[in-house]
Amino acid sequence: MEAMADQLPETLKPFFHRATEAQERLAKLEAALASTKTDIPDAKLQEETSEIKSKLEEANETVKQEQSKVVKELTVENEKQRYRILHLVRALKDADEKLEKISK
């Protein structure tokens, strides 16, 4: 899981961290539910489990939305850079042609 977090953009790391924590809490609650009798009533445990599941789903949805937003931003920036490079290459070719004409 930590390797996945290292590959995410900085903007998504807090959401990934929250989702990971929620998954860990959910696993602990499910383990407690599956174990022998505890002091927590089953209804309360199930309520907490479902609450954590919904928070996890919200966190995952937020991560997806943020990731989509970052991808769109990077795509736009990439297109801008390609446009700039295209014009710089054209300007360089024009300058080379002018220099070649002057040299002759």
N, C-alpha and C. Protein backbone atom coordinates (compact mmCIF):
# COMPACT_ATOMS: atom_id res chain seq x y z
N MET A 1 0.82 -1.19 0.00
CA MET A 1 0.00 0.00 0.00
C MET A 1 0.87 1.25 0.00
N GLU A 2 1.98 1.21 0.74
CA GLU A 2 2.85 2.38 0.83
C GLU A 2 3.47 2.70 -0.52
N ALA A 3 3.75 1.67 -1.31
CA ALA A 3 4.30 1.90 -2.64
C ALA A 3 3.30 2.63 -3.52
N MET A 4 2.02 2.31 -3.37
CA MET A 4 0.97 3.01 -4.14
C MET A 4 0.92 4.47 -3.74
N ALA A 5 1.06 4.75 -2.45
CA ALA A 5 0.98 6.13 -1.96
C ALA A 5 2.13 6.96 -2.52
N ASP A 6 3.30 6.36 -2.69
CA ASP A 6 4.45 7.08 -3.24
C ASP A 6 4.23 7.47 -4.69
N GLN A 7 3.41 6.75 -5.42
CA GLN A 7 3.18 7.02 -6.83
C GLN A 7 2.08 8.05 -7.06
N LEU A 8 1.32 8.38 -6.04
CA LEU A 8 0.22 9.33 -6.19
C LEU A 8 0.74 10.77 -6.17
N PRO A 9 0.06 11.67 -6.86
CA PRO A 9 0.42 13.08 -6.76
C PRO A 9 0.21 13.56 -5.32
N GLU A 10 0.93 14.59 -4.93
CA GLU A 10 0.87 15.12 -3.57
C GLU A 10 -0.57 15.47 -3.15
N THR A 11 -1.37 15.94 -4.09
CA THR A 11 -2.73 16.36 -3.75
C THR A 11 -3.60 15.17 -3.33
N LEU A 12 -3.26 13.97 -3.79
CA LEU A 12 -4.08 12.80 -3.48
C LEU A 12 -3.60 12.05 -2.24
N LYS A 13 -2.37 12.30 -1.79
CA LYS A 13 -1.82 11.54 -0.66
C LYS A 13 -2.64 11.66 0.62
N PRO A 14 -3.16 12.85 0.99
CA PRO A 14 -3.98 12.91 2.21
C PRO A 14 -5.25 12.06 2.10
N PHE A 15 -5.87 12.05 0.92
CA PHE A 15 -7.08 11.25 0.74
C PHE A 15 -6.75 9.75 0.80
N PHE A 16 -5.63 9.37 0.21
CA PHE A 16 -5.21 7.97 0.24
C PHE A 16 -4.93 7.56 1.68
N HIS A 17 -4.28 8.45 2.43
CA HIS A 17 -3.96 8.16 3.83
C HIS A 17 -5.25 7.97 4.64
N ARG A 18 -6.23 8.86 4.43
CA ARG A 18 -7.50 8.73 5.13
C ARG A 18 -8.21 7.43 4.76
N ALA A 19 -8.19 7.09 3.49
CA ALA A 19 -8.85 5.86 3.04
C ALA A 19 -8.16 4.64 3.66
N THR A 20 -6.83 4.67 3.73
CA THR A 20 -6.08 3.56 4.32
C THR A 20 -6.42 3.41 5.81
N GLU A 21 -6.48 4.55 6.51
CA GLU A 21 -6.85 4.49 7.93
C GLU A 21 -8.26 3.94 8.11
N ALA A 22 -9.17 4.36 7.25
CA ALA A 22 -10.54 3.87 7.35
C ALA A 22 -10.60 2.37 7.11
N GLN A 23 -9.81 1.89 6.15
CA GLN A 23 -9.79 0.45 5.88
C GLN A 23 -9.24 -0.31 7.09
N GLU A 24 -8.21 0.24 7.73
CA GLU A 24 -7.64 -0.42 8.91
C GLU A 24 -8.65 -0.47 10.06
N ARG A 25 -9.35 0.65 10.28
CA ARG A 25 -10.36 0.67 11.34
C ARG A 25 -11.49 -0.31 11.02
N LEU A 26 -11.87 -0.36 9.77
CA LEU A 26 -12.93 -1.29 9.37
C LEU A 26 -12.50 -2.74 9.60
N ALA A 27 -11.26 -3.05 9.26
CA ALA A 27 -10.75 -4.41 9.47
C ALA A 27 -10.76 -4.77 10.95
N LYS A 28 -10.37 -3.80 11.80
CA LYS A 28 -10.38 -4.06 13.25
C LYS A 28 -11.80 -4.29 13.76
N LEU A 29 -12.73 -3.48 13.28
CA LEU A 29 -14.12 -3.66 13.71
C LEU A 29 -14.69 -4.99 13.24
N GLU A 30 -14.37 -5.36 12.00
CA GLU A 30 -14.86 -6.65 11.49
C GLU A 30 -14.25 -7.81 12.27
N ALA A 31 -12.97 -7.66 12.65
CA ALA A 31 -12.33 -8.71 13.44
C ALA A 31 -12.98 -8.80 14.82
N ALA A 32 -13.28 -7.65 15.40
CA ALA A 32 -13.94 -7.64 16.71
C ALA A 32 -15.33 -8.25 16.61
N LEU A 33 -16.01 -7.97 15.53
CA LEU A 33 -17.35 -8.52 15.32
C LEU A 33 -17.29 -10.03 15.16
N ALA A 34 -16.27 -10.51 14.48
CA ALA A 34 -16.15 -11.94 14.24
C ALA A 34 -15.65 -12.69 15.47
N SER A 35 -14.97 -12.01 16.37
CA SER A 35 -14.42 -12.69 17.55
C SER A 35 -15.54 -13.01 18.54
N THR A 36 -15.16 -13.64 19.61
CA THR A 36 -16.15 -14.02 20.62
C THR A 36 -16.75 -12.78 21.25
N LYS A 37 -17.66 -12.96 22.16
CA LYS A 37 -18.42 -11.87 22.78
C LYS A 37 -17.49 -10.73 23.19
N THR A 38 -17.96 -9.54 22.92
CA THR A 38 -17.24 -8.34 23.35
C THR A 38 -18.19 -7.49 24.18
N ASP A 39 -17.66 -6.43 24.74
CA ASP A 39 -18.48 -5.53 25.54
C ASP A 39 -19.36 -4.64 24.67
N ILE A 40 -19.00 -4.52 23.40
CA ILE A 40 -19.77 -3.68 22.50
C ILE A 40 -20.94 -4.49 21.95
N PRO A 41 -22.14 -3.97 22.07
CA PRO A 41 -23.29 -4.70 21.51
C PRO A 41 -23.16 -4.82 19.99
N ASP A 42 -23.71 -5.91 19.45
CA ASP A 42 -23.62 -6.18 18.02
C ASP A 42 -24.21 -5.04 17.19
N ALA A 43 -25.32 -4.49 17.63
CA ALA A 43 -25.97 -3.42 16.86
C ALA A 43 -25.04 -2.21 16.76
N LYS A 44 -24.38 -1.86 17.85
CA LYS A 44 -23.46 -0.71 17.82
C LYS A 44 -22.27 -1.00 16.93
N LEU A 45 -21.76 -2.21 17.01
CA LEU A 45 -20.63 -2.60 16.18
C LEU A 45 -21.00 -2.56 14.70
N GLN A 46 -22.16 -3.05 14.38
CA GLN A 46 -22.61 -3.02 12.99
C GLN A 46 -22.82 -1.59 12.52
N GLU A 47 -23.34 -0.74 13.39
CA GLU A 47 -23.54 0.66 13.05
C GLU A 47 -22.20 1.35 12.76
N GLU A 48 -21.22 1.09 13.63
CA GLU A 48 -19.90 1.67 13.42
C GLU A 48 -19.25 1.12 12.14
N THR A 49 -19.45 -0.15 11.89
CA THR A 49 -18.90 -0.75 10.68
C THR A 49 -19.50 -0.12 9.44
N SER A 50 -20.81 0.05 9.44
CA SER A 50 -21.44 0.64 8.27
C SER A 50 -21.05 2.11 8.13
N GLU A 51 -20.87 2.82 9.24
CA GLU A 51 -20.43 4.21 9.19
C GLU A 51 -19.02 4.31 8.59
N ILE A 52 -18.16 3.44 9.00
CA ILE A 52 -16.79 3.45 8.47
C ILE A 52 -16.80 3.06 6.99
N LYS A 53 -17.63 2.11 6.62
CA LYS A 53 -17.73 1.74 5.20
C LYS A 53 -18.17 2.93 4.36
N SER A 54 -19.16 3.68 4.86
CA SER A 54 -19.63 4.84 4.09
C SER A 54 -18.55 5.91 4.01
N LYS A 55 -17.81 6.11 5.10
CA LYS A 55 -16.71 7.08 5.07
C LYS A 55 -15.61 6.62 4.10
N LEU A 56 -15.36 5.34 4.08
CA LEU A 56 -14.37 4.79 3.15
C LEU A 56 -14.80 5.01 1.72
N GLU A 57 -16.07 4.75 1.44
CA GLU A 57 -16.59 4.97 0.09
C GLU A 57 -16.49 6.44 -0.30
N GLU A 58 -16.81 7.34 0.63
CA GLU A 58 -16.68 8.77 0.37
C GLU A 58 -15.23 9.16 0.08
N ALA A 59 -14.33 8.63 0.89
CA ALA A 59 -12.90 8.93 0.70
C ALA A 59 -12.42 8.41 -0.64
N ASN A 60 -12.84 7.21 -1.00
CA ASN A 60 -12.44 6.66 -2.30
C ASN A 60 -12.98 7.49 -3.45
N GLU A 61 -14.22 7.96 -3.32
CA GLU A 61 -14.83 8.79 -4.35
C GLU A 61 -14.09 10.12 -4.46
N THR A 62 -13.73 10.68 -3.33
CA THR A 62 -12.98 11.94 -3.32
C THR A 62 -11.62 11.75 -3.99
N VAL A 63 -10.96 10.64 -3.68
CA VAL A 63 -9.66 10.35 -4.31
C VAL A 63 -9.82 10.26 -5.83
N LYS A 64 -10.86 9.57 -6.27
CA LYS A 64 -11.10 9.43 -7.71
C LYS A 64 -11.35 10.79 -8.36
N GLN A 65 -12.15 11.63 -7.69
CA GLN A 65 -12.44 12.96 -8.23
C GLN A 65 -11.18 13.82 -8.29
N GLU A 66 -10.40 13.79 -7.23
CA GLU A 66 -9.16 14.57 -7.21
C GLU A 66 -8.18 14.06 -8.25
N GLN A 67 -8.10 12.76 -8.40
CA GLN A 67 -7.20 12.18 -9.39
C GLN A 67 -7.64 12.59 -10.79
N SER A 68 -8.92 12.57 -11.05
CA SER A 68 -9.44 12.98 -12.34
C SER A 68 -9.12 14.45 -12.60
N LYS A 69 -9.29 15.27 -11.57
CA LYS A 69 -9.00 16.70 -11.69
C LYS A 69 -7.52 16.92 -12.00
N VAL A 70 -6.65 16.20 -11.32
CA VAL A 70 -5.21 16.34 -11.54
C VAL A 70 -4.84 15.89 -12.95
N VAL A 71 -5.45 14.81 -13.41
CA VAL A 71 -5.17 14.32 -14.76
C VAL A 71 -5.59 15.36 -15.80
N LYS A 72 -6.75 15.97 -15.60
CA LYS A 72 -7.21 17.00 -16.53
C LYS A 72 -6.26 18.19 -16.54
N GLU A 73 -5.84 18.62 -15.35
CA GLU A 73 -4.92 19.76 -15.26
C GLU A 73 -3.60 19.44 -15.96
N LEU A 74 -3.09 18.25 -15.73
CA LEU A 74 -1.82 17.85 -16.35
C LEU A 74 -1.96 17.73 -17.87
N THR A 75 -3.11 17.27 -18.33
CA THR A 75 -3.36 17.15 -19.76
C THR A 75 -3.36 18.54 -20.41
N VAL A 76 -4.03 19.49 -19.77
CA VAL A 76 -4.07 20.86 -20.29
C VAL A 76 -2.66 21.45 -20.32
N GLU A 77 -1.93 21.27 -19.24
CA GLU A 77 -0.56 21.80 -19.19
C GLU A 77 0.32 21.14 -20.24
N ASN A 78 0.15 19.86 -20.46
CA ASN A 78 0.91 19.13 -21.48
C ASN A 78 0.63 19.70 -22.87
N GLU A 79 -0.64 19.97 -23.14
CA GLU A 79 -1.01 20.54 -24.44
C GLU A 79 -0.40 21.93 -24.63
N LYS A 80 -0.39 22.72 -23.57
CA LYS A 80 0.23 24.04 -23.65
C LYS A 80 1.71 23.93 -23.99
N GLN A 81 2.36 22.99 -23.32
CA GLN A 81 3.80 22.82 -23.56
C GLN A 81 4.07 22.33 -24.99
N ARG A 82 3.24 21.44 -25.48
CA ARG A 82 3.39 20.97 -26.87
C ARG A 82 3.22 22.13 -27.86
N TYR A 83 2.24 22.98 -27.59
CA TYR A 83 1.99 24.15 -28.44
C TYR A 83 3.21 25.06 -28.44
N ARG A 84 3.75 25.31 -27.27
CA ARG A 84 4.94 26.17 -27.17
C ARG A 84 6.13 25.56 -27.91
N ILE A 85 6.33 24.28 -27.74
CA ILE A 85 7.44 23.60 -28.41
C ILE A 85 7.29 23.69 -29.92
N LEU A 86 6.08 23.48 -30.42
CA LEU A 86 5.82 23.56 -31.85
C LEU A 86 6.22 24.93 -32.39
N HIS A 87 5.83 25.98 -31.69
CA HIS A 87 6.15 27.32 -32.16
C HIS A 87 7.64 27.64 -32.01
N LEU A 88 8.26 27.13 -30.98
CA LEU A 88 9.70 27.34 -30.82
C LEU A 88 10.49 26.64 -31.93
N VAL A 89 10.06 25.43 -32.28
CA VAL A 89 10.72 24.69 -33.37
C VAL A 89 10.55 25.45 -34.69
N ARG A 90 9.35 25.95 -34.93
CA ARG A 90 9.12 26.74 -36.16
C ARG A 90 9.99 27.99 -36.17
N ALA A 91 10.06 28.69 -35.05
CA ALA A 91 10.87 29.91 -34.98
C ALA A 91 12.34 29.58 -35.18
N LEU A 92 12.79 28.47 -34.66
CA LEU A 92 14.18 28.05 -34.83
C LEU A 92 14.47 27.73 -36.29
N LYS A 93 13.55 27.04 -36.96
CA LYS A 93 13.73 26.74 -38.38
C LYS A 93 13.78 28.01 -39.20
N ASP A 94 12.88 28.97 -38.91
CA ASP A 94 12.87 30.25 -39.61
C ASP A 94 14.18 30.99 -39.39
N ALA A 95 14.67 31.00 -38.17
CA ALA A 95 15.94 31.68 -37.87
C ALA A 95 17.09 31.01 -38.61
N ASP A 96 17.09 29.67 -38.64
CA ASP A 96 18.14 28.95 -39.37
C ASP A 96 18.10 29.28 -40.86
N GLU A 97 16.89 29.35 -41.43
CA GLU A 97 16.76 29.68 -42.85
C GLU A 97 17.26 31.10 -43.12
N LYS A 98 16.92 32.05 -42.28
CA LYS A 98 17.37 33.43 -42.45
C LYS A 98 18.88 33.52 -42.32
N LEU A 99 19.44 32.80 -41.36
CA LEU A 99 20.89 32.79 -41.17
C LEU A 99 21.59 32.18 -42.38
N GLU A 100 20.98 31.13 -42.91
CA GLU A 100 21.54 30.47 -44.10
C GLU A 100 21.53 31.41 -45.29
N LYS A 101 20.45 32.19 -45.49
CA LYS A 101 20.34 33.14 -46.58
C LYS A 101 21.37 34.26 -46.42
N ILE A 102 21.57 34.69 -45.19
CA ILE A 102 22.55 35.77 -44.95
C ILE A 102 23.97 35.27 -45.20
N SER A 103 24.21 34.00 -44.86
CA SER A 103 25.55 33.43 -45.02
C SER A 103 25.92 33.25 -46.48
N LYS A 104 24.97 33.12 -47.39
CA LYS A 104 25.26 32.88 -48.78
C LYS A 104 25.59 34.10 -49.49
